Amino acid sequence: MHTATIDCQLDYEVGSPTHFRFNIESAFHEAHTIVEERLSVTPSAKVRHFCDERNGNRFVRLDAPKGLLSVNYHAQIELSHAPVPLYLEEAPVTAIPDDVLRYLMPSRYCESDIMSRAAQQLFGHLSPGLSRVHAIESWIHDSIYYMPGFSTSTTTAQEVFVQRAGVCRDFAHLGITLCRALNIPARLVVGYVYFDEPPQDFHAVFEAWLEGQWVLFDATRMAPNERLVRVGTGRDAKDVAFATIFGNVQMLRKELVVDQGDTPLRPETVALPAGLVTA
């Protein structure tokens, strides 16, 4: 069992009264337990909490007046990771549960219908199951160059496939797309985890549905999957943005600190452009 201590600081310059929706709190999920947590907002504001019961995603909504807004989330989380079997089969489409079928469909950033021919050419000849998804994960790791700042908030999986560069979100979107194109349900998972490089930020991986269970994959191989503190789960980044902003806002600071016991505490500040902020 691992313990993670998390501190997330978000500072904004609000140009006019604005509504915010944040997805920064640890999700309700069987893989981890919330030992303690606190959310603070400055200046004080009326905060509304709600949870997406389908995935355990937790959201915070608030209205902010013109001026500075500071949001801090601090938590201590215990993680318990169940080992993944060595062999897992793919489910035939007819056996995919109703609530999982949505993760087989194309979505905003994952054009699995357009990528079907490429997926079949690359992976259609491989034996179905866990090993085929690992092959997808390895191909992305070996073929896509990790390049912060290369992609944008609107970059899709098809564009990543063509441009051969991106960040963790792009790696995950491409994994999801190739899986769906092979009739393997897949979805995006975003959370907190410690890694050395690049500077600390939210981390994105993907999950595939194999033999009745969701299995995590990370084509960046930046951190062990069992260390991830899940925050958001969805079809793609459209569902799991850490901040959705309805107004004229500029982000001043995003600072994340993740301490997982055997790793040093090290804050890093990530500068983002003004406007809509997505995970």
Protein backbone atom coordinates (compact mmCIF):
# COMPACT_ATOMS: atom_id res chain seq x y z
CA MET A 1 0.00 0.00 0.00
CA HIS A 2 1.28 3.48 -0.89
CA THR A 3 0.39 6.86 0.59
CA ALA A 4 0.22 10.08 -1.42
CA THR A 5 0.15 13.64 -0.10
CA ILE A 6 -1.19 16.10 -2.64
CA ASP A 7 -1.25 19.87 -2.78
CA CYS A 8 -2.83 21.65 -5.75
CA GLN A 9 -2.77 25.44 -5.99
CA LEU A 10 -4.66 27.35 -8.71
CA ASP A 11 -4.58 31.15 -8.95
CA TYR A 12 -6.59 33.25 -11.42
CA GLU A 13 -7.12 36.87 -12.43
CA VAL A 14 -10.87 37.14 -12.97
CA GLY A 15 -11.71 39.90 -15.45
CA SER A 16 -15.48 39.85 -14.88
CA PRO A 17 -17.90 37.78 -12.74
CA THR A 18 -17.28 34.17 -13.78
CA HIS A 19 -18.60 30.69 -13.07
CA PHE A 20 -16.06 27.90 -12.47
CA ARG A 21 -16.32 24.12 -12.41
CA PHE A 22 -13.31 22.33 -10.93
CA ASN A 23 -12.45 18.62 -11.07
CA ILE A 24 -9.40 18.52 -8.78
CA GLU A 25 -10.52 16.43 -5.80
CA SER A 26 -9.58 12.77 -5.47
CA ALA A 27 -12.29 10.64 -7.05
CA PHE A 28 -14.32 8.08 -5.13
CA HIS A 29 -12.67 4.88 -6.34
CA GLU A 30 -11.94 1.42 -4.99
CA ALA A 31 -8.20 1.81 -5.67
CA HIS A 32 -7.69 4.48 -3.03
CA THR A 33 -9.04 5.83 0.25
CA ILE A 34 -9.19 9.50 1.26
CA VAL A 35 -7.55 9.81 4.67
CA GLU A 36 -7.96 13.57 4.92
CA GLU A 37 -8.62 16.46 2.56
CA ARG A 38 -9.49 20.12 2.52
CA LEU A 39 -10.53 22.61 -0.13
CA SER A 40 -10.04 26.33 0.43
CA VAL A 41 -11.20 29.20 -1.78
CA THR A 42 -10.04 32.82 -1.44
CA PRO A 43 -11.94 35.10 -1.37
CA SER A 44 -14.61 33.08 0.36
CA ALA A 45 -17.33 31.89 -2.00
CA LYS A 46 -20.41 29.70 -1.89
CA VAL A 47 -19.20 26.31 -3.13
CA ARG A 48 -21.42 23.56 -4.55
CA HIS A 49 -20.18 19.96 -4.59
CA PHE A 50 -21.55 17.16 -6.74
CA CYS A 51 -20.41 13.71 -7.84
CA ASP A 52 -20.72 11.78 -11.09
CA GLU A 53 -21.81 8.48 -9.60
CA ARG A 54 -21.01 6.61 -12.82
CA ASN A 55 -17.24 7.20 -12.45
CA GLY A 56 -16.83 8.72 -8.98
CA ASN A 57 -15.65 12.05 -10.39
CA ARG A 58 -16.16 14.89 -7.93
CA PHE A 59 -16.88 18.44 -9.03
CA VAL A 60 -16.87 21.86 -7.38
CA ARG A 61 -18.85 24.80 -8.75
CA LEU A 62 -18.57 28.42 -7.65
CA ASP A 63 -19.12 31.97 -8.79
CA ALA A 64 -16.17 34.37 -8.54
CA PRO A 65 -16.32 38.16 -8.64
CA LYS A 66 -13.84 40.30 -10.55
CA GLY A 67 -10.36 40.19 -9.01
CA LEU A 68 -8.01 37.48 -7.75
CA LEU A 69 -9.23 33.93 -7.11
CA SER A 70 -7.17 31.33 -5.29
CA VAL A 71 -8.17 27.66 -4.99
CA ASN A 72 -6.22 25.12 -2.96
CA TYR A 73 -6.83 21.38 -2.61
CA HIS A 74 -4.82 19.37 -0.09
CA ALA A 75 -5.27 15.65 0.54
CA GLN A 76 -3.68 12.53 1.95
CA ILE A 77 -4.61 9.37 0.06
CA GLU A 78 -3.95 5.69 0.69
CA LEU A 79 -3.67 3.61 -2.48
CA SER A 80 -4.34 -0.10 -2.79
CA HIS A 81 -3.56 -1.61 -6.17
CA ALA A 82 -4.89 -4.99 -7.24
CA PRO A 83 -2.43 -6.90 -9.45
CA VAL A 84 -3.42 -7.35 -13.09
CA PRO A 85 -3.64 -10.97 -14.32
CA LEU A 86 -1.12 -12.05 -16.94
CA TYR A 87 -3.85 -13.02 -19.39
CA LEU A 88 -7.14 -11.25 -20.04
CA GLU A 89 -9.45 -11.75 -23.00
CA GLU A 90 -11.27 -9.12 -25.02
CA ALA A 91 -15.04 -9.20 -24.76
CA PRO A 92 -17.11 -9.67 -27.92
CA VAL A 93 -19.21 -6.58 -28.61
CA THR A 94 -22.43 -8.45 -27.85
CA ALA A 95 -21.15 -9.15 -24.32
CA ILE A 96 -20.09 -5.59 -23.49
CA PRO A 97 -22.30 -4.20 -20.66
CA ASP A 98 -24.68 -1.38 -21.48
CA ASP A 99 -22.84 1.11 -19.27
CA VAL A 100 -19.49 0.24 -20.92
CA LEU A 101 -20.68 0.40 -24.53
CA ARG A 102 -20.36 4.21 -24.58
CA TYR A 103 -16.58 3.79 -24.32
CA LEU A 104 -16.57 1.98 -27.65
CA MET A 105 -17.90 4.99 -29.56
CA PRO A 106 -15.89 7.76 -31.27
CA SER A 107 -15.66 10.94 -29.19
CA ARG A 108 -14.44 14.54 -29.49
CA TYR A 109 -10.70 13.74 -29.29
CA CYS A 110 -10.77 10.06 -30.20
CA GLU A 111 -11.82 9.51 -33.82
CA SER A 112 -11.82 5.72 -33.70
CA ASP A 113 -14.02 5.49 -36.81
CA ILE A 114 -11.49 7.43 -38.89
CA MET A 115 -8.56 5.48 -37.39
CA SER A 116 -10.07 2.04 -37.97
CA ARG A 117 -7.96 1.11 -41.00
CA ALA A 118 -4.70 2.18 -39.33
CA ALA A 119 -5.56 0.21 -36.18
CA GLN A 120 -6.31 -2.91 -38.20
CA GLN A 121 -3.09 -2.60 -40.21
CA LEU A 122 -0.97 -2.16 -37.10
CA PHE A 123 -2.66 -4.49 -34.62
CA GLY A 124 -5.40 -6.46 -36.35
CA HIS A 125 -3.11 -9.46 -36.88
CA LEU A 126 -2.24 -9.77 -33.17
CA SER A 127 -3.97 -12.17 -30.79
CA PRO A 128 -6.88 -10.40 -29.03
CA GLY A 129 -6.53 -9.70 -25.31
CA LEU A 130 -4.24 -8.01 -22.81
CA SER A 131 -1.13 -8.60 -24.93
CA ARG A 132 -2.65 -6.69 -27.85
CA VAL A 133 -3.36 -3.62 -25.69
CA HIS A 134 0.20 -3.83 -24.35
CA ALA A 135 1.36 -3.84 -27.99
CA ILE A 136 -0.65 -0.65 -28.59
CA GLU A 137 0.87 0.92 -25.48
CA SER A 138 4.42 -0.04 -26.58
CA TRP A 139 3.89 1.19 -30.15
CA ILE A 140 2.76 4.61 -28.90
CA HIS A 141 5.71 4.82 -26.51
CA ASP A 142 8.18 3.96 -29.29
CA SER A 143 6.54 5.96 -32.10
CA ILE A 144 5.28 9.19 -30.50
CA TYR A 145 7.78 11.75 -29.24
CA TYR A 146 6.96 13.31 -25.85
CA MET A 147 7.15 17.05 -26.51
CA PRO A 148 5.54 19.51 -24.04
CA GLY A 149 4.04 22.50 -25.81
CA PHE A 150 3.80 20.80 -29.21
CA SER A 151 0.07 20.01 -29.07
CA THR A 152 -2.84 22.21 -28.00
CA SER A 153 -6.08 21.78 -26.09
CA THR A 154 -7.84 20.93 -29.37
CA THR A 155 -5.34 18.33 -30.68
CA THR A 156 -7.03 15.02 -31.52
CA ALA A 157 -5.73 11.46 -31.63
CA GLN A 158 -5.63 11.46 -35.44
CA GLU A 159 -3.46 14.59 -35.39
CA VAL A 160 -1.11 12.99 -32.87
CA PHE A 161 -0.88 9.90 -35.09
CA VAL A 162 0.13 12.08 -38.05
CA GLN A 163 2.40 14.53 -36.20
CA ARG A 164 4.04 11.84 -34.04
CA ALA A 165 4.40 14.15 -31.00
CA GLY A 166 2.41 15.26 -27.98
CA VAL A 167 2.05 15.04 -24.20
CA CYS A 168 0.50 12.49 -21.84
CA ARG A 169 -3.05 13.48 -22.78
CA ASP A 170 -2.26 12.92 -26.46
CA PHE A 171 -0.60 9.55 -25.76
CA ALA A 172 -3.71 8.47 -23.83
CA HIS A 173 -6.13 9.72 -26.53
CA LEU A 174 -4.25 7.75 -29.18
CA GLY A 175 -4.32 4.60 -27.03
CA ILE A 176 -8.07 5.00 -26.49
CA THR A 177 -8.68 5.55 -30.20
CA LEU A 178 -6.69 2.52 -31.36
CA CYS A 179 -8.42 0.31 -28.79
CA ARG A 180 -11.91 1.47 -29.77
CA ALA A 181 -11.06 0.97 -33.44
CA LEU A 182 -10.40 -2.69 -32.54
CA ASN A 183 -13.72 -2.96 -30.62
CA ILE A 184 -12.01 -2.70 -27.21
CA PRO A 185 -13.80 -0.21 -24.90
CA ALA A 186 -11.35 2.39 -23.61
CA ARG A 187 -11.48 5.63 -21.64
CA LEU A 188 -9.31 8.43 -20.25
CA VAL A 189 -8.13 8.62 -16.64
CA VAL A 190 -6.53 11.77 -15.18
CA GLY A 191 -4.95 12.07 -11.76
CA TYR A 192 -2.06 12.96 -9.50
CA VAL A 193 1.22 11.04 -9.52
CA TYR A 194 4.84 11.91 -8.85
CA PHE A 195 7.30 11.90 -11.74
CA ASP A 196 10.71 13.49 -12.28
CA GLU A 197 10.28 15.03 -15.72
CA PRO A 198 8.68 17.16 -17.04
CA PRO A 199 7.52 19.56 -14.26
CA GLN A 200 4.76 18.21 -12.05
CA ASP A 201 1.28 18.38 -13.58
CA PHE A 202 -1.91 16.37 -13.87
CA HIS A 203 -1.16 13.05 -15.56
CA ALA A 204 -3.31 11.27 -18.16
CA VAL A 205 -3.40 7.53 -18.90
CA PHE A 206 -5.96 5.22 -20.50
CA GLU A 207 -8.03 2.24 -19.41
CA ALA A 208 -9.17 -0.69 -21.53
CA TRP A 209 -12.06 -3.04 -20.75
CA LEU A 210 -10.76 -6.61 -20.71
CA GLU A 211 -12.55 -9.68 -19.41
CA GLY A 212 -14.96 -7.72 -17.24
CA GLN A 213 -12.53 -5.27 -15.69
CA TRP A 214 -10.83 -1.95 -16.39
CA VAL A 215 -7.04 -2.11 -16.77
CA LEU A 216 -4.74 0.94 -16.73
CA PHE A 217 -2.10 1.60 -19.41
CA ASP A 218 0.41 4.44 -19.67
CA ALA A 219 2.22 4.81 -23.00
CA THR A 220 4.46 7.57 -21.56
CA ARG A 221 5.82 5.19 -18.87
CA MET A 222 6.49 8.23 -16.72
CA ALA A 223 5.17 6.72 -13.47
CA PRO A 224 3.82 3.39 -12.14
CA ASN A 225 0.08 3.02 -12.68
CA GLU A 226 -0.40 1.80 -9.11
CA ARG A 227 0.78 5.22 -7.84
CA LEU A 228 -1.90 7.21 -9.69
CA VAL A 229 -4.48 9.02 -7.54
CA ARG A 230 -7.49 9.12 -9.83
CA VAL A 231 -9.29 12.45 -10.21
CA GLY A 232 -11.30 12.15 -13.42
CA THR A 233 -12.52 9.32 -15.65
CA GLY A 234 -14.30 9.91 -18.95
CA ARG A 235 -14.58 9.35 -22.68
CA ASP A 236 -11.76 11.82 -23.36
CA ALA A 237 -10.38 15.14 -22.11
CA LYS A 238 -13.71 16.83 -22.76
CA ASP A 239 -15.11 14.97 -19.73
CA VAL A 240 -12.21 15.47 -17.31
CA ALA A 241 -10.95 19.04 -17.60
CA PHE A 242 -9.53 20.12 -14.21
CA ALA A 243 -11.13 23.54 -14.72
CA THR A 244 -14.00 24.64 -16.93
CA ILE A 245 -14.38 28.41 -16.98
CA PHE A 246 -17.36 30.47 -18.11
CA GLY A 247 -15.98 33.99 -18.27
CA ASN A 248 -13.01 36.27 -18.86
CA VAL A 249 -10.18 34.72 -16.83
CA GLN A 250 -6.39 34.49 -16.92
CA MET A 251 -4.54 31.74 -15.05
CA LEU A 252 -1.69 33.13 -12.96
CA ARG A 253 -0.36 29.96 -11.36
CA LYS A 254 -0.82 26.21 -11.35
CA GLU A 255 1.39 24.54 -8.76
CA LEU A 256 1.20 20.84 -7.93
CA VAL A 257 3.13 18.97 -5.25
CA VAL A 258 2.85 15.19 -5.02
CA ASP A 259 4.72 13.32 -2.29
CA GLN A 260 4.46 9.54 -2.43
CA GLY A 261 6.67 8.60 0.50
CA ASP A 262 9.87 7.61 -1.27
CA THR A 263 9.92 10.64 -3.57
CA PRO A 264 11.02 14.19 -2.63
CA LEU A 265 8.57 17.02 -2.26
CA ARG A 266 9.18 19.37 -5.14
CA PRO A 267 6.76 22.06 -6.29
CA GLU A 268 6.70 23.04 -9.94
CA THR A 269 4.84 25.91 -11.50
CA VAL A 270 3.29 25.47 -14.93
CA ALA A 271 2.41 28.58 -16.94
CA LEU A 272 -0.72 28.33 -19.09
CA PRO A 273 -2.25 30.74 -21.61
CA ALA A 274 -5.32 32.73 -20.76
CA GLY A 275 -8.71 31.35 -21.62
CA LEU A 276 -10.38 27.98 -21.26
CA VAL A 277 -8.22 25.62 -19.22
CA THR A 278 -8.43 21.90 -19.83
CA ALA A 279 -6.68 18.92 -18.32
